[in-house]
């Protein structure tokens, strides 16, 4: 089970776009991200591996109880929203790989999905693809040999 100020902090950032006071209590657990994927991947999101083709801009959002990263850099909800809108508007074909940490509270997962859907507007030209860290590792090319 996830507990502590890290979950509260990230939940507040994604849900309302601002930091919450540490004195707030975390709502009761409603399940965590596992093989059931917190109710399943949204229907308008694409299948894993479908984002790898030429002339496509691929970005990555990593979400977990203590992480919110856009292309490897820590971010805030407001900055993320702007980055998603900019990517949608500037690049004709782009994708967002949303990588959820196994064990993350399902309420955070659902909020993050909604946040991405609203800002990026996942559809044919702008695909959203959901992974866990382990699943994404299977699709990435092997590391370069020394």
N, C-alpha and C. Protein backbone atom coordinates (compact mmCIF):
# COMPACT_ATOMS: atom_id res chain seq x y z
N UNK A 1 0.82 -1.18 0.00
CA UNK A 1 0.00 0.00 0.00
C UNK A 1 0.87 1.25 0.00
N UNK A 2 0.44 2.26 -0.74
CA UNK A 2 1.18 3.50 -0.81
C UNK A 2 0.68 4.43 0.27
N UNK A 3 1.60 5.04 0.97
CA UNK A 3 1.24 5.98 2.02
C UNK A 3 2.25 7.11 2.03
N UNK A 4 1.91 8.16 2.72
CA UNK A 4 2.89 9.21 2.97
C UNK A 4 2.68 10.45 2.13
N UNK A 5 3.50 11.42 2.41
CA UNK A 5 3.35 12.72 1.78
C UNK A 5 3.67 12.69 0.29
N UNK A 6 4.49 11.73 -0.18
CA UNK A 6 4.81 11.66 -1.60
C UNK A 6 3.58 11.44 -2.44
N UNK A 7 2.71 10.53 -2.02
CA UNK A 7 1.47 10.27 -2.75
C UNK A 7 0.56 11.48 -2.70
N UNK A 8 0.43 12.08 -1.54
CA UNK A 8 -0.43 13.26 -1.42
C UNK A 8 0.07 14.36 -2.33
N UNK A 9 1.38 14.62 -2.31
CA UNK A 9 1.98 15.67 -3.11
C UNK A 9 1.71 15.45 -4.59
N UNK A 10 1.99 14.25 -5.10
CA UNK A 10 1.81 13.97 -6.52
C UNK A 10 0.34 13.97 -6.89
N UNK A 11 -0.51 13.39 -6.05
CA UNK A 11 -1.94 13.36 -6.31
C UNK A 11 -2.47 14.78 -6.45
N UNK A 12 -2.05 15.66 -5.57
CA UNK A 12 -2.51 17.05 -5.62
C UNK A 12 -2.00 17.75 -6.86
N UNK A 13 -0.75 17.51 -7.24
CA UNK A 13 -0.21 18.15 -8.43
C UNK A 13 -0.98 17.74 -9.68
N UNK A 14 -1.23 16.48 -9.84
CA UNK A 14 -1.92 16.00 -11.03
C UNK A 14 -3.38 16.39 -11.00
N UNK A 15 -4.02 16.29 -9.85
CA UNK A 15 -5.46 16.53 -9.76
C UNK A 15 -5.82 18.01 -9.85
N UNK A 16 -5.09 18.87 -9.17
CA UNK A 16 -5.49 20.27 -9.13
C UNK A 16 -4.43 21.22 -9.64
N UNK A 17 -3.28 20.73 -9.99
CA UNK A 17 -2.24 21.57 -10.55
C UNK A 17 -1.54 22.45 -9.53
N UNK A 18 -1.62 22.10 -8.29
CA UNK A 18 -0.95 22.88 -7.24
C UNK A 18 -0.58 21.96 -6.10
N UNK A 19 0.44 22.36 -5.37
CA UNK A 19 0.85 21.57 -4.22
C UNK A 19 -0.19 21.67 -3.11
N UNK A 20 -0.40 20.61 -2.38
CA UNK A 20 -1.31 20.60 -1.25
C UNK A 20 -0.51 20.66 0.04
N UNK A 21 -1.14 21.06 1.08
CA UNK A 21 -0.48 21.11 2.38
C UNK A 21 -0.19 19.70 2.86
N UNK A 22 0.93 19.50 3.54
CA UNK A 22 1.29 18.19 4.06
C UNK A 22 0.33 17.72 5.14
N UNK A 23 -0.46 18.62 5.68
CA UNK A 23 -1.38 18.23 6.75
C UNK A 23 -2.60 17.51 6.21
N UNK A 24 -2.82 17.56 4.90
CA UNK A 24 -3.96 16.85 4.34
C UNK A 24 -3.75 15.35 4.46
N UNK A 25 -4.84 14.65 4.68
CA UNK A 25 -4.76 13.20 4.77
C UNK A 25 -5.05 12.60 3.41
N UNK A 26 -4.35 11.54 3.13
CA UNK A 26 -4.57 10.82 1.89
C UNK A 26 -5.93 10.12 1.95
N UNK A 27 -6.71 10.19 0.85
CA UNK A 27 -7.98 9.48 0.84
C UNK A 27 -7.75 7.98 0.95
N UNK A 28 -8.75 7.22 1.35
CA UNK A 28 -8.58 5.77 1.48
C UNK A 28 -8.16 5.16 0.14
N UNK A 29 -7.41 4.09 0.20
CA UNK A 29 -6.94 3.42 -1.00
C UNK A 29 -8.12 2.86 -1.80
N UNK A 30 -8.02 2.98 -3.10
CA UNK A 30 -9.04 2.44 -3.99
C UNK A 30 -8.40 1.46 -4.96
N UNK A 31 -7.38 0.76 -4.51
CA UNK A 31 -6.67 -0.17 -5.37
C UNK A 31 -5.40 0.46 -5.89
N UNK A 32 -4.52 -0.39 -6.38
CA UNK A 32 -3.26 0.08 -6.94
C UNK A 32 -3.06 -0.50 -8.33
N UNK A 33 -2.19 0.15 -9.09
CA UNK A 33 -1.92 -0.25 -10.46
C UNK A 33 -1.22 -1.61 -10.48
N UNK A 34 -1.80 -2.55 -11.19
CA UNK A 34 -1.25 -3.89 -11.32
C UNK A 34 -1.68 -4.44 -12.67
N UNK A 35 -1.74 -5.73 -12.82
CA UNK A 35 -2.11 -6.35 -14.10
C UNK A 35 -3.49 -5.93 -14.58
N UNK A 36 -4.40 -5.57 -13.66
CA UNK A 36 -5.75 -5.14 -14.06
C UNK A 36 -5.76 -3.70 -14.58
N UNK A 37 -4.67 -2.97 -14.44
CA UNK A 37 -4.50 -1.63 -14.98
C UNK A 37 -5.57 -0.64 -14.51
N UNK A 38 -6.01 -0.78 -13.27
CA UNK A 38 -6.97 0.18 -12.69
C UNK A 38 -8.18 0.37 -13.60
N UNK A 39 -8.76 -0.70 -14.04
CA UNK A 39 -9.95 -0.62 -14.87
C UNK A 39 -9.67 -0.68 -16.36
N UNK A 40 -8.44 -0.72 -16.74
CA UNK A 40 -8.09 -0.85 -18.15
C UNK A 40 -7.66 0.44 -18.81
N UNK A 41 -6.94 0.29 -19.90
CA UNK A 41 -6.44 1.41 -20.68
C UNK A 41 -7.64 2.06 -21.39
N UNK A 42 -7.68 3.39 -21.47
CA UNK A 42 -8.78 4.05 -22.19
C UNK A 42 -8.91 3.52 -23.62
N UNK A 43 -10.11 3.44 -24.10
CA UNK A 43 -10.38 2.87 -25.43
C UNK A 43 -9.76 3.66 -26.57
N UNK A 44 -9.63 4.97 -26.38
CA UNK A 44 -9.07 5.79 -27.47
C UNK A 44 -7.54 5.80 -27.46
N UNK A 45 -6.92 5.09 -26.52
CA UNK A 45 -5.46 5.00 -26.49
C UNK A 45 -5.00 3.86 -27.38
N UNK A 46 -3.78 3.97 -27.89
CA UNK A 46 -3.25 3.01 -28.84
C UNK A 46 -2.57 1.83 -28.15
N UNK A 47 -2.36 0.77 -28.93
CA UNK A 47 -1.70 -0.43 -28.41
C UNK A 47 -0.21 -0.20 -28.25
N UNK A 48 0.37 -0.91 -27.32
CA UNK A 48 1.80 -0.82 -27.07
C UNK A 48 2.58 -1.16 -28.34
N UNK A 49 3.61 -0.39 -28.62
CA UNK A 49 4.45 -0.63 -29.79
C UNK A 49 3.98 0.08 -31.04
N UNK A 50 2.77 0.63 -31.02
CA UNK A 50 2.22 1.26 -32.23
C UNK A 50 2.83 2.63 -32.52
N UNK A 51 3.59 3.18 -31.58
CA UNK A 51 4.13 4.53 -31.76
C UNK A 51 5.48 4.58 -32.45
N UNK A 52 6.04 3.45 -32.78
CA UNK A 52 7.39 3.44 -33.34
C UNK A 52 7.34 3.40 -34.87
N UNK A 53 7.37 4.57 -35.48
CA UNK A 53 7.48 4.67 -36.93
C UNK A 53 8.11 6.02 -37.26
N UNK A 54 8.50 6.18 -38.51
CA UNK A 54 9.25 7.37 -38.92
C UNK A 54 8.42 8.65 -38.78
N UNK A 55 9.13 9.74 -38.64
CA UNK A 55 8.56 11.09 -38.61
C UNK A 55 7.55 11.29 -37.49
N UNK A 56 7.78 10.65 -36.39
CA UNK A 56 6.89 10.79 -35.24
C UNK A 56 7.68 11.30 -34.05
N UNK A 57 7.12 12.28 -33.39
CA UNK A 57 7.71 12.79 -32.16
C UNK A 57 7.16 11.96 -31.00
N UNK A 58 8.04 11.35 -30.23
CA UNK A 58 7.61 10.52 -29.10
C UNK A 58 8.10 11.16 -27.81
N UNK A 59 7.18 11.41 -26.90
CA UNK A 59 7.52 11.93 -25.58
C UNK A 59 7.08 10.93 -24.54
N UNK A 60 7.65 11.08 -23.35
CA UNK A 60 7.35 10.11 -22.29
C UNK A 60 6.96 10.83 -21.00
N UNK A 61 5.85 10.39 -20.42
CA UNK A 61 5.39 10.87 -19.13
C UNK A 61 5.49 9.70 -18.16
N UNK A 62 6.24 9.89 -17.06
CA UNK A 62 6.39 8.85 -16.04
C UNK A 62 5.63 9.29 -14.80
N UNK A 63 4.74 8.41 -14.33
CA UNK A 63 3.90 8.72 -13.18
C UNK A 63 4.02 7.62 -12.14
N UNK A 64 4.22 8.02 -10.92
CA UNK A 64 4.28 7.09 -9.80
C UNK A 64 3.98 7.84 -8.52
N UNK A 65 4.02 7.13 -7.40
CA UNK A 65 3.68 7.78 -6.14
C UNK A 65 4.62 8.93 -5.79
N UNK A 66 5.84 8.91 -6.28
CA UNK A 66 6.80 9.98 -5.98
C UNK A 66 7.47 10.52 -7.24
N UNK A 67 6.82 10.37 -8.37
CA UNK A 67 7.43 10.89 -9.60
C UNK A 67 6.38 11.41 -10.57
N UNK A 68 6.72 12.51 -11.19
CA UNK A 68 5.97 13.08 -12.30
C UNK A 68 7.05 13.67 -13.20
N UNK A 69 7.37 12.95 -14.27
CA UNK A 69 8.48 13.36 -15.14
C UNK A 69 8.01 13.41 -16.59
N UNK A 70 8.45 14.45 -17.27
CA UNK A 70 8.19 14.62 -18.69
C UNK A 70 9.53 14.53 -19.40
N UNK A 71 9.69 13.53 -20.23
CA UNK A 71 10.93 13.28 -20.96
C UNK A 71 12.15 13.27 -20.02
N UNK A 72 11.98 12.61 -18.89
CA UNK A 72 13.07 12.40 -17.96
C UNK A 72 13.30 13.52 -16.96
N UNK A 73 12.60 14.62 -17.09
CA UNK A 73 12.79 15.76 -16.19
C UNK A 73 11.57 15.92 -15.28
N UNK A 74 11.82 16.15 -14.01
CA UNK A 74 10.72 16.40 -13.08
C UNK A 74 9.92 17.59 -13.57
N UNK A 75 8.61 17.53 -13.38
CA UNK A 75 7.74 18.59 -13.89
C UNK A 75 6.61 18.85 -12.91
N UNK A 76 5.85 19.87 -13.19
CA UNK A 76 4.64 20.17 -12.42
C UNK A 76 3.43 19.91 -13.31
N UNK A 77 2.28 19.87 -12.71
CA UNK A 77 1.06 19.63 -13.46
C UNK A 77 0.82 20.72 -14.50
N UNK A 78 1.02 21.97 -14.12
CA UNK A 78 0.77 23.07 -15.05
C UNK A 78 1.76 23.06 -16.21
N UNK A 79 3.02 22.82 -15.94
CA UNK A 79 4.02 22.74 -17.00
C UNK A 79 3.72 21.56 -17.92
N UNK A 80 3.34 20.44 -17.33
CA UNK A 80 2.98 19.27 -18.13
C UNK A 80 1.82 19.58 -19.05
N UNK A 81 0.80 20.23 -18.53
CA UNK A 81 -0.36 20.58 -19.35
C UNK A 81 0.07 21.42 -20.55
N UNK A 82 0.93 22.41 -20.32
CA UNK A 82 1.41 23.26 -21.41
C UNK A 82 2.23 22.46 -22.42
N UNK A 83 3.09 21.58 -21.92
CA UNK A 83 3.92 20.76 -22.81
C UNK A 83 3.06 19.84 -23.68
N UNK A 84 2.03 19.25 -23.10
CA UNK A 84 1.14 18.37 -23.86
C UNK A 84 0.40 19.15 -24.95
N UNK A 85 -0.12 20.31 -24.61
CA UNK A 85 -0.84 21.14 -25.58
C UNK A 85 0.11 21.58 -26.69
N UNK A 86 1.31 22.02 -26.32
CA UNK A 86 2.30 22.45 -27.31
C UNK A 86 2.66 21.31 -28.26
N UNK A 87 2.91 20.13 -27.71
CA UNK A 87 3.25 19.00 -28.57
C UNK A 87 2.11 18.69 -29.53
N UNK A 88 0.89 18.73 -29.04
CA UNK A 88 -0.27 18.45 -29.90
C UNK A 88 -0.38 19.47 -31.02
N UNK A 89 -0.15 20.74 -30.70
CA UNK A 89 -0.34 21.80 -31.68
C UNK A 89 0.82 21.94 -32.67
N UNK A 90 2.04 21.64 -32.24
CA UNK A 90 3.22 21.89 -33.05
C UNK A 90 3.58 20.71 -33.95
N UNK A 91 3.39 19.51 -33.47
CA UNK A 91 3.80 18.35 -34.27
C UNK A 91 2.58 17.64 -34.84
N UNK A 92 2.55 17.46 -36.17
CA UNK A 92 1.38 16.85 -36.79
C UNK A 92 1.14 15.40 -36.35
N UNK A 93 2.21 14.66 -36.11
CA UNK A 93 2.10 13.29 -35.64
C UNK A 93 2.99 13.15 -34.42
N UNK A 94 2.38 12.90 -33.30
CA UNK A 94 3.16 12.75 -32.08
C UNK A 94 2.49 11.76 -31.14
N UNK A 95 3.30 11.23 -30.26
CA UNK A 95 2.82 10.22 -29.33
C UNK A 95 3.32 10.52 -27.93
N UNK A 96 2.55 10.08 -26.95
CA UNK A 96 2.97 10.18 -25.56
C UNK A 96 2.93 8.78 -24.98
N UNK A 97 4.08 8.34 -24.51
CA UNK A 97 4.16 7.09 -23.78
C UNK A 97 3.92 7.44 -22.31
N UNK A 98 2.85 6.92 -21.75
CA UNK A 98 2.54 7.17 -20.35
C UNK A 98 2.97 5.93 -19.58
N UNK A 99 3.98 6.09 -18.73
CA UNK A 99 4.58 4.96 -18.02
C UNK A 99 4.20 5.05 -16.55
N UNK A 100 3.37 4.10 -16.12
CA UNK A 100 2.91 4.07 -14.73
C UNK A 100 3.74 3.09 -13.92
N UNK A 101 4.07 3.50 -12.72
CA UNK A 101 4.80 2.64 -11.80
C UNK A 101 3.82 1.66 -11.17
N UNK A 102 4.13 0.38 -11.24
CA UNK A 102 3.29 -0.64 -10.62
C UNK A 102 3.18 -0.33 -9.13
N UNK A 103 1.96 -0.41 -8.60
CA UNK A 103 1.73 -0.13 -7.19
C UNK A 103 1.20 1.28 -6.95
N UNK A 104 1.09 2.09 -7.99
CA UNK A 104 0.57 3.46 -7.84
C UNK A 104 -0.93 3.40 -7.59
N UNK A 105 -1.41 4.27 -6.74
CA UNK A 105 -2.83 4.35 -6.39
C UNK A 105 -3.67 4.56 -7.66
N UNK A 106 -4.74 3.80 -7.81
CA UNK A 106 -5.58 3.88 -9.01
C UNK A 106 -6.23 5.25 -9.20
N UNK A 107 -6.51 5.95 -8.12
CA UNK A 107 -7.08 7.30 -8.27
C UNK A 107 -6.09 8.20 -8.98
N UNK A 108 -4.82 8.08 -8.68
CA UNK A 108 -3.78 8.86 -9.36
C UNK A 108 -3.68 8.44 -10.82
N UNK A 109 -3.77 7.16 -11.09
CA UNK A 109 -3.72 6.65 -12.47
C UNK A 109 -4.87 7.25 -13.29
N UNK A 110 -6.07 7.17 -12.76
CA UNK A 110 -7.24 7.69 -13.48
C UNK A 110 -7.13 9.20 -13.71
N UNK A 111 -6.64 9.92 -12.71
CA UNK A 111 -6.47 11.37 -12.84
C UNK A 111 -5.42 11.69 -13.90
N UNK A 112 -4.32 10.97 -13.90
CA UNK A 112 -3.27 11.20 -14.89
C UNK A 112 -3.77 10.90 -16.30
N UNK A 113 -4.51 9.82 -16.46
CA UNK A 113 -5.06 9.49 -17.79
C UNK A 113 -5.97 10.61 -18.29
N UNK A 114 -6.84 11.08 -17.41
CA UNK A 114 -7.76 12.15 -17.78
C UNK A 114 -7.00 13.43 -18.13
N UNK A 115 -5.98 13.73 -17.37
CA UNK A 115 -5.14 14.90 -17.60
C UNK A 115 -4.50 14.83 -18.99
N UNK A 116 -3.94 13.68 -19.34
CA UNK A 116 -3.31 13.50 -20.64
C UNK A 116 -4.35 13.58 -21.75
N UNK A 117 -5.47 12.89 -21.58
CA UNK A 117 -6.53 12.90 -22.59
C UNK A 117 -7.03 14.32 -22.87
N UNK A 118 -7.25 15.08 -21.83
CA UNK A 118 -7.78 16.43 -21.97
C UNK A 118 -6.78 17.36 -22.65
N UNK A 119 -5.52 17.31 -22.24
CA UNK A 119 -4.51 18.23 -22.75
C UNK A 119 -3.96 17.82 -24.12
N UNK A 120 -3.76 16.54 -24.33
CA UNK A 120 -3.14 16.04 -25.56
C UNK A 120 -4.17 15.60 -26.60
N UNK A 121 -5.37 15.32 -26.16
CA UNK A 121 -6.47 14.87 -27.03
C UNK A 121 -6.06 13.66 -27.86
N UNK A 122 -5.88 12.56 -27.18
CA UNK A 122 -5.43 11.31 -27.80
C UNK A 122 -6.40 10.88 -28.90
N UNK A 123 -5.87 10.73 -30.11
CA UNK A 123 -6.65 10.25 -31.26
C UNK A 123 -5.68 9.70 -32.29
N UNK A 124 -6.10 9.51 -33.51
CA UNK A 124 -5.27 8.89 -34.54
C UNK A 124 -3.92 9.55 -34.78
N UNK A 125 -3.88 10.88 -34.90
CA UNK A 125 -2.62 11.58 -35.15
C UNK A 125 -1.82 11.81 -33.88
N UNK A 126 -2.47 11.81 -32.77
CA UNK A 126 -1.82 12.05 -31.48
C UNK A 126 -2.15 10.87 -30.57
N UNK A 127 -1.26 9.92 -30.56
CA UNK A 127 -1.51 8.67 -29.84
C UNK A 127 -0.99 8.73 -28.41
N UNK A 128 -1.73 8.08 -27.54
CA UNK A 128 -1.30 7.86 -26.15
C UNK A 128 -1.17 6.36 -25.96
N UNK A 129 -0.07 5.95 -25.39
CA UNK A 129 0.21 4.53 -25.21
C UNK A 129 0.62 4.32 -23.76
N UNK A 130 0.01 3.34 -23.09
CA UNK A 130 0.27 3.10 -21.68
C UNK A 130 1.20 1.91 -21.49
N UNK A 131 2.17 2.09 -20.59
CA UNK A 131 3.15 1.06 -20.27
C UNK A 131 3.42 1.04 -18.77
N UNK A 132 4.02 -0.05 -18.33
CA UNK A 132 4.74 -0.07 -17.07
C UNK A 132 6.21 0.06 -17.45
N UNK A 133 7.07 0.29 -16.48
CA UNK A 133 8.51 0.37 -16.79
C UNK A 133 9.00 -0.90 -17.46
N UNK A 134 8.57 -2.06 -16.95
CA UNK A 134 9.02 -3.35 -17.50
C UNK A 134 8.51 -3.55 -18.93
N UNK A 135 7.26 -3.16 -19.18
CA UNK A 135 6.70 -3.32 -20.53
C UNK A 135 7.44 -2.43 -21.53
N UNK A 136 7.72 -1.20 -21.14
CA UNK A 136 8.41 -0.29 -22.05
C UNK A 136 9.81 -0.80 -22.38
N UNK A 137 10.47 -1.38 -21.40
CA UNK A 137 11.82 -1.91 -21.63
C UNK A 137 11.83 -2.97 -22.72
N UNK A 138 10.75 -3.72 -22.86
CA UNK A 138 10.66 -4.75 -23.91
C UNK A 138 10.61 -4.15 -25.31
N UNK A 139 10.05 -2.93 -25.44
CA UNK A 139 9.90 -2.31 -26.74
C UNK A 139 11.07 -1.44 -27.15
N UNK A 140 11.89 -1.04 -26.19
CA UNK A 140 13.01 -0.17 -26.51
C UNK A 140 14.15 -0.97 -27.13
N UNK A 141 14.96 -0.31 -27.96
CA UNK A 141 16.11 -1.02 -28.51
C UNK A 141 17.10 -1.35 -27.40
N UNK A 142 17.91 -2.38 -27.60
CA UNK A 142 18.90 -2.73 -26.57
C UNK A 142 19.92 -1.61 -26.41
N UNK A 143 20.52 -1.52 -25.24
CA UNK A 143 21.54 -0.48 -25.03
C UNK A 143 22.73 -0.73 -25.95
N UNK A 144 23.46 0.35 -26.30
CA UNK A 144 24.62 0.18 -27.21
C UNK A 144 25.71 -0.65 -26.53
N UNK A 145 26.41 -1.41 -27.34
CA UNK A 145 27.50 -2.22 -26.84
C UNK A 145 28.73 -1.34 -26.66
N UNK A 146 29.50 -1.59 -25.59
CA UNK A 146 30.71 -0.76 -25.37
C UNK A 146 31.79 -0.98 -26.40
